[in-house]
C-alpha atoms as a PDB file:
ATOM      1  CA  MET A   1       0.000   0.000   0.000  1.00  0.00           C
ATOM      2  CA  LYS A   2       1.357   3.384  -0.957  1.00  0.00           C
ATOM      3  CA  THR A   3       1.880   6.068   1.674  1.00  0.00           C
ATOM      4  CA  VAL A   4      -1.152   8.252   2.428  1.00  0.00           C
ATOM      5  CA  THR A   5      -0.217  11.913   2.757  1.00  0.00           C
ATOM      6  CA  VAL A   6      -1.961  15.139   3.664  1.00  0.00           C
ATOM      7  CA  GLN A   7      -0.934  16.597   0.317  1.00  0.00           C
ATOM      8  CA  GLY A   8      -2.506  13.652  -1.519  1.00  0.00           C
ATOM      9  CA  ILE A   9      -5.772  13.901   0.389  1.00  0.00           C
ATOM     10  CA  TYR A  10      -5.959  17.633  -0.299  1.00  0.00           C
ATOM     11  CA  ALA A  11      -5.400  17.053  -4.029  1.00  0.00           C
ATOM     12  CA  ASP A  12      -8.127  14.380  -4.098  1.00  0.00           C
ATOM     13  CA  LEU A  13     -10.790  16.195  -2.072  1.00  0.00           C
ATOM     14  CA  ARG A  14     -10.202  19.931  -2.386  1.00  0.00           C
ATOM     15  CA  ASP A  15     -13.047  20.350  -4.884  1.00  0.00           C
ATOM     16  CA  THR A  16     -15.374  17.718  -3.415  1.00  0.00           C
ATOM     17  CA  LEU A  17     -15.137  19.135   0.110  1.00  0.00           C
ATOM     18  CA  ASP A  18     -14.412  22.761  -0.866  1.00  0.00           C
ATOM     19  CA  ILE A  19     -11.120  22.735   1.058  1.00  0.00           C
ATOM     20  CA  THR A  20      -8.976  25.849   1.333  1.00  0.00           C
ATOM     21  CA  PRO A  21      -5.541  25.976   3.041  1.00  0.00           C
ATOM     22  CA  LEU A  22      -5.536  28.435   5.945  1.00  0.00           C
ATOM     23  CA  THR A  23      -1.795  27.949   6.475  1.00  0.00           C
ATOM     24  CA  GLU A  24       1.004  27.129   4.068  1.00  0.00           C
ATOM     25  CA  LEU A  25       1.422  23.505   2.999  1.00  0.00           C
ATOM     26  CA  PRO A  26       4.916  22.271   3.940  1.00  0.00           C
ATOM     27  CA  GLU A  27       7.128  21.057   1.101  1.00  0.00           C
ATOM     28  CA  ARG A  28       7.857  17.807   2.934  1.00  0.00           C
ATOM     29  CA  GLU A  29       5.273  15.060   2.580  1.00  0.00           C
ATOM     30  CA  ILE A  30       3.165  14.697   5.744  1.00  0.00           C
ATOM     31  CA  GLU A  31       2.130  11.081   6.308  1.00  0.00           C
ATOM     32  CA  VAL A  32      -1.289  10.164   7.710  1.00  0.00           C
ATOM     33  CA  GLY A  33      -1.098   7.214  10.098  1.00  0.00           C
ATOM     34  CA  GLY A  34      -4.616   5.790   9.971  1.00  0.00           C
ATOM     35  CA  LYS A  35      -8.113   5.952   8.513  1.00  0.00           C
ATOM     36  CA  ASP A  36      -9.709   7.266  11.732  1.00  0.00           C
ATOM     37  CA  VAL A  37     -10.871  10.892  11.796  1.00  0.00           C
ATOM     38  CA  HIS A  38     -10.872  12.597  15.207  1.00  0.00           C
ATOM     39  CA  ARG A  39     -12.723  15.514  16.720  1.00  0.00           C
ATOM     40  CA  PRO A  40     -10.287  16.824  19.363  1.00  0.00           C
ATOM     41  CA  GLY A  41     -12.765  18.373  21.796  1.00  0.00           C
ATOM     42  CA  MET A  42     -11.536  16.377  24.824  1.00  0.00           C
ATOM     43  CA  ALA A  43      -7.902  16.885  23.840  1.00  0.00           C
ATOM     44  CA  LEU A  44      -8.392  20.664  23.686  1.00  0.00           C
ATOM     45  CA  MET A  45      -9.592  20.542  27.288  1.00  0.00           C
ATOM     46  CA  GLY A  46      -6.616  18.456  28.407  1.00  0.00           C
ATOM     47  CA  PHE A  47      -7.854  14.844  28.300  1.00  0.00           C
ATOM     48  CA  THR A  48      -5.556  13.037  25.860  1.00  0.00           C
ATOM     49  CA  GLU A  49      -5.770   9.446  27.092  1.00  0.00           C
ATOM     50  CA  LYS A  50      -6.724   6.945  24.348  1.00  0.00           C
ATOM     51  CA  PHE A  51      -5.894   9.600  21.762  1.00  0.00           C
ATOM     52  CA  LEU A  52      -4.413   8.014  18.629  1.00  0.00           C
ATOM     53  CA  PRO A  53      -1.535   9.962  17.033  1.00  0.00           C
ATOM     54  CA  HIS A  54      -1.060  10.743  13.330  1.00  0.00           C
ATOM     55  CA  ARG A  55      -4.820  11.103  12.680  1.00  0.00           C
ATOM     56  CA  VAL A  56      -6.531  13.961  10.833  1.00  0.00           C
ATOM     57  CA  GLN A  57      -8.383  16.288  13.209  1.00  0.00           C
ATOM     58  CA  VAL A  58     -11.711  17.934  12.385  1.00  0.00           C
ATOM     59  CA  ILE A  59     -12.851  20.999  14.339  1.00  0.00           C
ATOM     60  CA  GLY A  60     -16.513  21.952  14.209  1.00  0.00           C
ATOM     61  CA  GLU A  61     -18.768  24.430  15.991  1.00  0.00           C
ATOM     62  CA  SER A  62     -18.417  22.888  19.466  1.00  0.00           C
ATOM     63  CA  GLU A  63     -14.612  22.859  19.435  1.00  0.00           C
ATOM     64  CA  MET A  64     -14.416  26.345  17.963  1.00  0.00           C
ATOM     65  CA  ALA A  65     -16.910  27.680  20.533  1.00  0.00           C
ATOM     66  CA  TYR A  66     -14.662  26.319  23.281  1.00  0.00           C
ATOM     67  CA  LEU A  67     -11.577  27.988  21.765  1.00  0.00           C
ATOM     68  CA  ALA A  68     -13.488  31.252  21.404  1.00  0.00           C
ATOM     69  CA  SER A  69     -14.230  31.191  25.139  1.00  0.00           C
ATOM     70  CA  LEU A  70     -10.504  31.326  25.961  1.00  0.00           C
ATOM     71  CA  ASP A  71      -8.074  34.226  25.840  1.00  0.00           C
ATOM     72  CA  ALA A  72      -5.117  34.126  23.445  1.00  0.00           C
ATOM     73  CA  ALA A  73      -2.844  32.341  25.919  1.00  0.00           C
ATOM     74  CA  GLY A  74      -5.543  29.780  26.684  1.00  0.00           C
ATOM     75  CA  GLN A  75      -6.133  29.149  22.978  1.00  0.00           C
ATOM     76  CA  ILE A  76      -2.419  28.487  22.455  1.00  0.00           C
ATOM     77  CA  ARG A  77      -2.274  26.074  25.418  1.00  0.00           C
ATOM     78  CA  ALA A  78      -5.385  24.195  24.285  1.00  0.00           C
ATOM     79  CA  PHE A  79      -4.313  23.886  20.667  1.00  0.00           C
ATOM     80  CA  ALA A  80      -0.771  22.907  21.700  1.00  0.00           C
ATOM     81  CA  ARG A  81      -2.214  19.890  23.553  1.00  0.00           C
ATOM     82  CA  VAL A  82      -3.596  18.646  20.246  1.00  0.00           C
ATOM     83  CA  LEU A  83      -0.456  19.367  18.225  1.00  0.00           C
ATOM     84  CA  ASP A  84       1.695  17.629  20.833  1.00  0.00           C
ATOM     85  CA  LEU A  85      -0.024  14.395  19.810  1.00  0.00           C
ATOM     86  CA  LEU A  86       1.637  14.470  16.365  1.00  0.00           C
ATOM     87  CA  VAL A  87      -1.441  15.275  14.287  1.00  0.00           C
ATOM     88  CA  PRO A  88      -0.798  15.504  10.506  1.00  0.00           C
ATOM     89  CA  ALA A  89      -3.446  18.153   9.733  1.00  0.00           C
ATOM     90  CA  VAL A  90      -6.393  20.056  11.172  1.00  0.00           C
ATOM     91  CA  CYS A  91      -9.592  20.779   9.227  1.00  0.00           C
ATOM     92  CA  VAL A  92     -12.110  23.440  10.270  1.00  0.00           C
ATOM     93  CA  THR A  93     -15.642  23.076   8.899  1.00  0.00           C
ATOM     94  CA  ARG A  94     -18.463  25.531   8.083  1.00  0.00           C
ATOM     95  CA  ASN A  95     -15.947  28.260   7.206  1.00  0.00           C
ATOM     96  CA  LEU A  96     -15.634  29.013  10.915  1.00  0.00           C
ATOM     97  CA  PRO A  97     -13.150  31.792  11.716  1.00  0.00           C
ATOM     98  CA  VAL A  98      -9.947  30.459  13.288  1.00  0.00           C
ATOM     99  CA  PRO A  99      -8.237  32.559  15.984  1.00  0.00           C
ATOM    100  CA  GLU A 100      -4.939  33.987  14.789  1.00  0.00           C
ATOM    101  CA  PRO A 101      -2.946  32.590  17.786  1.00  0.00           C
ATOM    102  CA  VAL A 102      -4.076  29.105  16.716  1.00  0.00           C
ATOM    103  CA  LEU A 103      -2.965  29.640  13.114  1.00  0.00           C
ATOM    104  CA  ALA A 104       0.354  31.117  14.250  1.00  0.00           C
ATOM    105  CA  LEU A 105       1.055  28.074  16.430  1.00  0.00           C
ATOM    106  CA  ALA A 106       0.179  25.733  13.571  1.00  0.00           C
ATOM    107  CA  ARG A 107       2.608  27.565  11.257  1.00  0.00           C
ATOM    108  CA  GLU A 108       5.301  27.365  13.901  1.00  0.00           C
ATOM    109  CA  ARG A 109       4.819  23.602  14.286  1.00  0.00           C
ATOM    110  CA  GLY A 110       4.502  22.977  10.550  1.00  0.00           C
ATOM    111  CA  VAL A 111       0.990  21.490  10.844  1.00  0.00           C
ATOM    112  CA  PRO A 112      -1.306  22.555   7.982  1.00  0.00           C
ATOM    113  CA  VAL A 113      -4.771  23.909   8.797  1.00  0.00           C
ATOM    114  CA  PHE A 114      -7.567  23.718   6.231  1.00  0.00           C
ATOM    115  CA  GLY A 115     -10.970  25.343   6.053  1.00  0.00           C
ATOM    116  CA  SER A 116     -14.122  23.968   4.444  1.00  0.00           C
ATOM    117  CA  SER A 117     -17.638  25.262   3.863  1.00  0.00           C
ATOM    118  CA  ARG A 118     -19.150  21.783   4.372  1.00  0.00           C
ATOM    119  CA  PRO A 119     -21.087  20.860   7.566  1.00  0.00           C
ATOM    120  CA  THR A 120     -19.028  18.878  10.049  1.00  0.00           C
ATOM    121  CA  VAL A 121     -20.938  15.585   9.787  1.00  0.00           C
ATOM    122  CA  ASP A 122     -20.883  15.630   5.968  1.00  0.00           C
ATOM    123  CA  PHE A 123     -17.200  16.519   5.943  1.00  0.00           C
ATOM    124  CA  ILE A 124     -16.292  13.660   8.290  1.00  0.00           C
ATOM    125  CA  ASP A 125     -18.407  11.137   6.355  1.00  0.00           C
ATOM    126  CA  GLU A 126     -16.780  11.992   3.032  1.00  0.00           C
ATOM    127  CA  LEU A 127     -13.256  12.146   4.454  1.00  0.00           C
ATOM    128  CA  SER A 128     -13.689   8.882   6.382  1.00  0.00           C
ATOM    129  CA  HIS A 129     -14.937   7.073   3.275  1.00  0.00           C
ATOM    130  CA  HIS A 130     -11.981   8.366   1.262  1.00  0.00           C
ATOM    131  CA  LEU A 131      -9.485   7.327   3.947  1.00  0.00           C
ATOM    132  CA  GLU A 132     -11.039   3.857   4.219  1.00  0.00           C
ATOM    133  CA  LEU A 133     -10.406   3.344   0.512  1.00  0.00           C
ATOM    134  CA  LEU A 134      -6.853   4.665   0.746  1.00  0.00           C
ATOM    135  CA  PHE A 135      -5.992   2.385   3.690  1.00  0.00           C
ATOM    136  CA  ALA A 136      -7.892  -0.655   2.387  1.00  0.00           C
ATOM    137  CA  ALA A 137      -5.959  -3.839   1.657  1.00  0.00           C
ATOM    138  CA  ARG A 138      -5.437  -4.264  -2.076  1.00  0.00           C
ATOM    139  CA  THR A 139      -3.839  -6.588  -4.591  1.00  0.00           C
ATOM    140  CA  GLU A 140      -3.719  -7.373  -8.311  1.00  0.00           C
ATOM    141  CA  VAL A 141      -4.521 -10.673 -10.036  1.00  0.00           C
ATOM    142  CA  HIS A 142      -4.058 -11.945 -13.576  1.00  0.00           C
ATOM    143  CA  ALA A 143      -7.684 -12.523 -14.519  1.00  0.00           C
ATOM    144  CA  SER A 144     -10.761 -11.015 -16.157  1.00  0.00           C
ATOM    145  CA  LEU A 145     -13.742  -9.553 -14.307  1.00  0.00           C
ATOM    146  CA  VAL A 146     -17.212  -9.386 -15.813  1.00  0.00           C
ATOM    147  CA  ASP A 147     -20.680  -8.534 -14.517  1.00  0.00           C
ATOM    148  CA  VAL A 148     -23.034 -11.361 -15.517  1.00  0.00           C
ATOM    149  CA  TYR A 149     -26.683 -10.827 -14.485  1.00  0.00           C
ATOM    150  CA  GLY A 150     -25.440  -8.584 -11.684  1.00  0.00           C
ATOM    151  CA  VAL A 151     -22.970 -11.167 -10.346  1.00  0.00           C
ATOM    152  CA  GLY A 152     -19.267 -10.319 -10.366  1.00  0.00           C
ATOM    153  CA  LEU A 153     -17.409 -13.255 -11.941  1.00  0.00           C
ATOM    154  CA  LEU A 154     -13.624 -13.368 -11.709  1.00  0.00           C
ATOM    155  CA  VAL A 155     -12.462 -15.534 -14.629  1.00  0.00           C
ATOM    156  CA  THR A 156      -9.069 -17.110 -13.951  1.00  0.00           C
ATOM    157  CA  GLY A 157      -6.841 -19.709 -15.595  1.00  0.00           C
ATOM    158  CA  ARG A 158      -3.475 -20.136 -17.224  1.00  0.00           C
ATOM    159  CA  SER A 159      -2.314 -17.646 -19.840  1.00  0.00           C
ATOM    160  CA  GLY A 160      -3.803 -18.437 -23.242  1.00  0.00           C
ATOM    161  CA  ILE A 161      -6.585 -20.727 -22.019  1.00  0.00           C
ATOM    162  CA  GLY A 162      -9.322 -18.405 -23.310  1.00  0.00           C
ATOM    163  CA  LYS A 163     -10.309 -16.045 -20.473  1.00  0.00           C
ATOM    164  CA  SER A 164     -10.485 -12.985 -22.733  1.00  0.00           C
ATOM    165  CA  GLU A 165     -12.383 -14.845 -25.448  1.00  0.00           C
ATOM    166  CA  CYS A 166     -14.933 -16.054 -22.885  1.00  0.00           C
ATOM    167  CA  VAL A 167     -15.402 -12.533 -21.529  1.00  0.00           C
ATOM    168  CA  LEU A 168     -15.683 -11.066 -25.040  1.00  0.00           C
ATOM    169  CA  ASP A 169     -18.446 -13.557 -25.837  1.00  0.00           C
ATOM    170  CA  LEU A 170     -20.241 -12.589 -22.619  1.00  0.00           C
ATOM    171  CA  VAL A 171     -20.024  -8.905 -23.538  1.00  0.00           C
ATOM    172  CA  GLU A 172     -21.428  -9.667 -26.995  1.00  0.00           C
ATOM    173  CA  ARG A 173     -24.370 -11.376 -25.246  1.00  0.00           C
ATOM    174  CA  GLY A 174     -25.130  -8.212 -23.264  1.00  0.00           C
ATOM    175  CA  HIS A 175     -23.056  -8.569 -20.104  1.00  0.00           C
ATOM    176  CA  ARG A 176     -20.599  -5.954 -18.854  1.00  0.00           C
ATOM    177  CA  LEU A 177     -16.808  -5.935 -18.779  1.00  0.00           C
ATOM    178  CA  VAL A 178     -15.029  -4.535 -15.748  1.00  0.00           C
ATOM    179  CA  ALA A 179     -11.404  -5.498 -16.428  1.00  0.00           C
ATOM    180  CA  ASP A 180      -9.323  -7.824 -18.546  1.00  0.00           C
ATOM    181  CA  ASP A 181      -5.812  -9.185 -18.031  1.00  0.00           C
ATOM    182  CA  ILE A 182      -5.115  -7.330 -14.764  1.00  0.00           C
ATOM    183  CA  VAL A 183      -7.797  -6.837 -12.088  1.00  0.00           C
ATOM    184  CA  GLU A 184      -7.087  -4.440  -9.223  1.00  0.00           C
ATOM    185  CA  ILE A 185      -8.843  -5.703  -6.082  1.00  0.00           C
ATOM    186  CA  VAL A 186      -9.641  -3.693  -2.954  1.00  0.00           C
ATOM    187  CA  LYS A 187     -11.094  -5.018   0.292  1.00  0.00           C
ATOM    188  CA  THR A 188     -13.887  -2.593   1.184  1.00  0.00           C
ATOM    189  CA  GLY A 189     -15.469  -4.553   4.047  1.00  0.00           C
ATOM    190  CA  ASP A 190     -15.000  -7.601   6.245  1.00  0.00           C
ATOM    191  CA  ASP A 191     -16.306  -9.920   3.520  1.00  0.00           C
ATOM    192  CA  VAL A 192     -16.412  -7.648   0.474  1.00  0.00           C
ATOM    193  CA  ILE A 193     -13.793  -7.336  -2.259  1.00  0.00           C
ATOM    194  CA  VAL A 194     -14.247  -5.034  -5.244  1.00  0.00           C
ATOM    195  CA  GLY A 195     -12.404  -5.288  -8.560  1.00  0.00           C
ATOM    196  CA  ARG A 196     -11.709  -2.574 -11.083  1.00  0.00           C
ATOM    197  CA  PHE A 197      -9.589  -2.045 -14.188  1.00  0.00           C
ATOM    198  CA  ARG A 198      -6.013  -0.835 -14.212  1.00  0.00           C
ATOM    199  CA  GLU A 199      -6.103   2.792 -15.357  1.00  0.00           C
ATOM    200  CA  VAL A 200      -3.729   2.381 -18.287  1.00  0.00           C
ATOM    201  CA  LEU A 201      -5.638  -0.624 -19.687  1.00  0.00           C
ATOM    202  CA  GLN A 202      -9.180   0.553 -18.961  1.00  0.00           C
ATOM    203  CA  HIS A 203     -11.742  -1.508 -20.907  1.00  0.00           C
ATOM    204  CA  SER A 204      -9.424  -3.081 -23.445  1.00  0.00           C
ATOM    205  CA  ILE A 205      -9.346  -6.795 -24.298  1.00  0.00           C
ATOM    206  CA  GLU A 206      -6.446  -8.533 -26.024  1.00  0.00           C
ATOM    207  CA  ILE A 207      -7.532 -11.362 -28.338  1.00  0.00           C
ATOM    208  CA  ARG A 208      -4.712 -13.496 -29.690  1.00  0.00           C
ATOM    209  CA  GLY A 209      -4.628 -13.278 -33.475  1.00  0.00           C
ATOM    210  CA  VAL A 210      -6.832 -10.184 -33.529  1.00  0.00           C
ATOM    211  CA  GLY A 211      -5.131  -7.698 -31.225  1.00  0.00           C
ATOM    212  CA  VAL A 212      -6.458  -5.164 -28.740  1.00  0.00           C
ATOM    213  CA  ILE A 213     -10.175  -4.351 -28.758  1.00  0.00           C
ATOM    214  CA  ASP A 214     -11.668  -1.271 -27.104  1.00  0.00           C
ATOM    215  CA  VAL A 215     -14.903  -2.702 -25.682  1.00  0.00           C
ATOM    216  CA  GLN A 216     -16.528   0.669 -25.044  1.00  0.00           C
ATOM    217  CA  ALA A 217     -15.833   1.858 -28.600  1.00  0.00           C
ATOM    218  CA  VAL A 218     -17.074  -1.375 -30.182  1.00  0.00           C
ATOM    219  CA  PHE A 219     -20.043  -2.300 -27.974  1.00  0.00           C
ATOM    220  CA  GLY A 220     -20.984   1.024 -26.359  1.00  0.00           C
ATOM    221  CA  ILE A 221     -21.174   2.404 -22.857  1.00  0.00           C
ATOM    222  CA  ARG A 222     -23.646  -0.276 -21.717  1.00  0.00           C
ATOM    223  CA  ALA A 223     -20.967  -2.955 -22.160  1.00  0.00           C
ATOM    224  CA  ILE A 224     -18.665  -1.693 -19.399  1.00  0.00           C
ATOM    225  CA  ARG A 225     -18.554  -1.044 -15.667  1.00  0.00           C
ATOM    226  CA  MET A 226     -16.048   0.927 -13.620  1.00  0.00           C
ATOM    227  CA  GLN A 227     -15.951  -1.594 -10.773  1.00  0.00           C
ATOM    228  CA  LYS A 228     -17.841  -4.596  -9.397  1.00  0.00           C
ATOM    229  CA  ARG A 229     -17.965  -6.667  -6.249  1.00  0.00           C
ATOM    230  CA  ILE A 230     -16.271 -10.046  -6.844  1.00  0.00           C
ATOM    231  CA  GLU A 231     -18.632 -12.845  -5.832  1.00  0.00           C
ATOM    232  CA  VAL A 232     -17.523 -16.010  -7.670  1.00  0.00           C
ATOM    233  CA  GLU A 233     -14.280 -17.238  -9.209  1.00  0.00           C
ATOM    234  CA  VAL A 234     -14.687 -19.189 -12.454  1.00  0.00           C
ATOM    235  CA  HIS A 235     -11.432 -21.090 -12.971  1.00  0.00           C
ATOM    236  CA  LEU A 236     -10.864 -22.351 -16.509  1.00  0.00           C
ATOM    237  CA  GLN A 237      -8.736 -25.488 -16.558  1.00  0.00           C
ATOM    238  CA  ASP A 238      -7.420 -27.785 -19.275  1.00  0.00           C
ATOM    239  CA  TRP A 239      -9.418 -31.009 -19.460  1.00  0.00           C
ATOM    240  CA  ASP A 240      -7.743 -33.883 -17.607  1.00  0.00           C
ATOM    241  CA  GLU A 241      -9.390 -37.257 -18.135  1.00  0.00           C
ATOM    242  CA  ASN A 242      -7.810 -38.524 -14.920  1.00  0.00           C
ATOM    243  CA  ALA A 243      -9.107 -35.653 -12.805  1.00  0.00           C
ATOM    244  CA  ASP A 244     -12.056 -36.144 -10.471  1.00  0.00           C
ATOM    245  CA  TYR A 245     -14.327 -33.212 -11.306  1.00  0.00           C
ATOM    246  CA  GLU A 246     -17.277 -32.258  -9.133  1.00  0.00           C
ATOM    247  CA  ARG A 247     -20.486 -33.775 -10.556  1.00  0.00           C
ATOM    248  CA  LEU A 248     -23.247 -32.767  -8.138  1.00  0.00           C
ATOM    249  CA  GLY A 249     -21.971 -29.589  -6.508  1.00  0.00           C
ATOM    250  CA  LEU A 250     -22.457 -30.828  -2.948  1.00  0.00           C
ATOM    251  CA  GLU A 251     -18.831 -30.118  -2.070  1.00  0.00           C
ATOM    252  CA  ARG A 252     -18.170 -26.426  -2.511  1.00  0.00           C
ATOM    253  CA  GLN A 253     -14.716 -25.031  -3.133  1.00  0.00           C
ATOM    254  CA  TYR A 254     -13.568 -21.582  -2.071  1.00  0.00           C
ATOM    255  CA  THR A 255     -10.723 -19.289  -2.907  1.00  0.00           C
ATOM    256  CA  HIS A 256      -9.385 -16.602  -0.559  1.00  0.00           C
ATOM    257  CA  ILE A 257      -8.488 -13.117  -1.756  1.00  0.00           C
ATOM    258  CA  LEU A 258      -7.336 -10.566   0.839  1.00  0.00           C
ATOM    259  CA  GLY A 259      -8.787 -12.845   3.512  1.00  0.00           C
ATOM    260  CA  VAL A 260     -12.252 -12.977   1.917  1.00  0.00           C
ATOM    261  CA  ALA A 261     -13.599 -16.406   0.923  1.00  0.00           C
ATOM    262  CA  ILE A 262     -15.560 -16.564  -2.347  1.00  0.00           C
ATOM    263  CA  PRO A 263     -16.977 -19.644  -4.124  1.00  0.00           C
ATOM    264  CA  ARG A 264     -14.698 -21.209  -6.743  1.00  0.00           C
ATOM    265  CA  VAL A 265     -16.051 -23.177  -9.693  1.00  0.00           C
ATOM    266  CA  ILE A 266     -13.585 -25.179 -11.805  1.00  0.00           C
ATOM    267  CA  VAL A 267     -14.657 -25.510 -15.432  1.00  0.00           C
ATOM    268  CA  PRO A 268     -12.656 -28.039 -17.520  1.00  0.00           C
ATOM    269  CA  ILE A 269     -12.034 -26.896 -21.094  1.00  0.00           C
ATOM    270  CA  TYR A 270     -12.210 -29.092 -24.202  1.00  0.00           C
ATOM    271  CA  PRO A 271     -13.116 -28.381 -27.849  1.00  0.00           C
ATOM    272  CA  GLY A 272     -16.800 -27.725 -28.466  1.00  0.00           C
ATOM    273  CA  LYS A 273     -17.702 -26.886 -24.878  1.00  0.00           C
ATOM    274  CA  ASN A 274     -19.888 -23.766 -24.577  1.00  0.00           C
ATOM    275  CA  ILE A 275     -18.058 -21.924 -21.822  1.00  0.00           C
ATOM    276  CA  THR A 276     -20.143 -18.764 -22.228  1.00  0.00           C
ATOM    277  CA  VAL A 277     -23.456 -20.461 -21.444  1.00  0.00           C
ATOM    278  CA  ILE A 278     -21.868 -22.380 -18.562  1.00  0.00           C
ATOM    279  CA  THR A 279     -20.550 -19.098 -17.141  1.00  0.00           C
ATOM    280  CA  GLU A 280     -24.023 -17.548 -17.357  1.00  0.00           C
ATOM    281  CA  VAL A 281     -25.481 -20.579 -15.552  1.00  0.00           C
ATOM    282  CA  ILE A 282     -22.840 -20.246 -12.824  1.00  0.00           C
ATOM    283  CA  ALA A 283     -23.991 -16.659 -12.230  1.00  0.00           C
ATOM    284  CA  LEU A 284     -27.673 -17.629 -12.159  1.00  0.00           C
ATOM    285  CA  ASP A 285     -27.008 -20.570  -9.851  1.00  0.00           C
ATOM    286  CA  PHE A 286     -25.130 -18.274  -7.473  1.00  0.00           C
ATOM    287  CA  MET A 287     -28.125 -15.914  -7.387  1.00  0.00           C
ATOM    288  CA  LEU A 288     -30.430 -18.842  -6.554  1.00  0.00           C
ATOM    289  CA  LYS A 289     -28.153 -19.840  -3.689  1.00  0.00           C
ATOM    290  CA  VAL A 290     -28.181 -16.273  -2.378  1.00  0.00           C
ATOM    291  CA  TYR A 291     -31.982 -16.516  -2.304  1.00  0.00           C
ATOM    292  CA  GLY A 292     -31.800 -19.834  -0.456  1.00  0.00           C
ATOM    293  CA  TYR A 293     -32.266 -22.387  -3.254  1.00  0.00           C
ATOM    294  CA  ASP A 294     -29.465 -24.927  -3.759  1.00  0.00           C
ATOM    295  CA  ALA A 295     -30.252 -27.355  -6.598  1.00  0.00           C
ATOM    296  CA  ALA A 296     -27.638 -29.899  -5.459  1.00  0.00           C
ATOM    297  CA  GLN A 297     -29.051 -29.993  -1.933  1.00  0.00           C
ATOM    298  CA  VAL A 298     -32.625 -30.276  -3.246  1.00  0.00           C
ATOM    299  CA  LEU A 299     -31.667 -33.227  -5.479  1.00  0.00           C
ATOM    300  CA  ASN A 300     -29.786 -34.888  -2.640  1.00  0.00           C
ATOM    301  CA  ARG A 301     -32.810 -34.602  -0.326  1.00  0.00           C
ATOM    302  CA  ARG A 302     -35.042 -35.992  -3.082  1.00  0.00           C
ATOM    303  CA  ILE A 303     -32.749 -39.000  -3.526  1.00  0.00           C
ATOM    304  CA  MET A 304     -32.594 -39.663   0.219  1.00  0.00           C
ATOM    305  CA  GLU A 305     -36.376 -39.379   0.498  1.00  0.00           C
ATOM    306  CA  ASN A 306     -36.809 -41.767  -2.430  1.00  0.00           C
ATOM    307  CA  MET A 307     -34.530 -44.282  -0.727  1.00  0.00           C
ATOM    308  CA  ARG A 308     -36.710 -44.133   2.398  1.00  0.00           C
ATOM    309  CA  THR A 309     -40.071 -44.376   0.631  1.00  0.00           C
ATOM    310  CA  GLY A 310     -39.269 -46.233  -2.598  1.00  0.00           C
ATOM    311  CA  ASP A 311     -39.909 -49.779  -1.324  1.00  0.00           C
ATOM    312  CA  ARG A 312     -43.250 -48.823   0.226  1.00  0.00           C
ATOM    313  CA  ILE A 313     -44.434 -47.181  -2.992  1.00  0.00           C
ATOM    314  CA  ALA A 314     -43.247 -50.131  -5.093  1.00  0.00           C
ATOM    315  CA  ARG A 315     -45.143 -52.607  -2.880  1.00  0.00           C
ATOM    316  CA  TYR A 316     -48.297 -50.496  -3.099  1.00  0.00           C
ATOM    317  CA  LEU A 317     -48.105 -50.310  -6.878  1.00  0.00           C
ATOM    318  CA  ARG A 318     -47.501 -54.062  -7.223  1.00  0.00           C
ATOM    319  CA  HIS A 319     -50.779 -54.850  -5.448  1.00  0.00           C
ATOM    320  CA  ASP A 320     -52.721 -52.031  -7.103  1.00  0.00           C
ATOM    321  CA  ARG A 321     -54.865 -53.710  -9.805  1.00  0.00           C
ATOM    322  CA  GLU A 322     -56.788 -50.596 -10.882  1.00  0.00           C
END
C-alpha cells in the first residue's frame, strides 16, 4: 500500500469538500497514520488518554466555541495539547473563523490547517470514506472480471486458455466488462472485495490473433462497468481425463483473496464446450443460492427421500390392480 499523505488527500478532495488551506502547505510530505478521523474536543480541554496519534483532526462548531471562550494564551495552550499528539493536519468546517494565535502556532509547528464550507458531519463522512479506501488492503490478479446478471465473476486460468475470449463472448451477449488481463482488487469490508480495471488498460481486451479491442468503442457504454464486487471465481482449466471433477456440486470449493472467501467453480475446457453459457449458468445458480435455493441440496434430499419411501411405494403399486 502506498503512503497516504496530507498533500494527496488535499489534491483528491479539495473540490469535493471545498477545502482551502488556511496555512502554508509544507514542502515535505506529511504522512497520515490511519483511517480514523478525530474531533479533538476532549484533547483541547486536556484529556488526551486513548488519543491516537497521526490522525486527521476535524474541528466543528463545538470545538471552535470552546476555543473562542478562551483568551489568546488559553487558545495556544489548548491547541498545543492537540499538536503535541503528532497530528498531521487540522480541518475546520463551516468556514468558521480560526483565531490567529491558533494559526500562528500551527505555522510554527509545521501542521497545515484547512478550512471547508461543508457541515461537520458531511465533511467527516466523506473524508472517512476516502481514507477507508486509501488504507484498504489491495492486490492485483491476472484474470478477467465481468458482470453477468449482476454477479461479479472473476475468470481465472493459465495464460492463453481463453479467459479474454470467454469474456468477449459474454459482452457480446449483453453482459458488462469490468477489467481484462489485470484486475485491481480492494477489500472494502470484512467480507467484500471489489475489482476494477487498471487505469492504463481501462476496458481493453487482447484477443490473440486479432489484437487489442476497445470494448466501449465497439459495444458502447452499456458494455462496461467501472468496478464490481467479486462474488464467484470461475477457474478455466485444461481437461484432464484422470481428474475427479465435481459432478453434483455438494462439495463447494472456495478461494481466498485478501482474507475474503468466495466460491470457486472449476470448469474443464475441451473443444466444443460452450463456456459462455456455462458461465451464465454459474452466475444464475449463485443468485439462486443467495436466495436460499441450492439445486444440489434439493436433489440430494429428493434421492434420500426416495430411498426411504421407494420400497413402500413399489409394494403399493404391485398390489394395485386398478
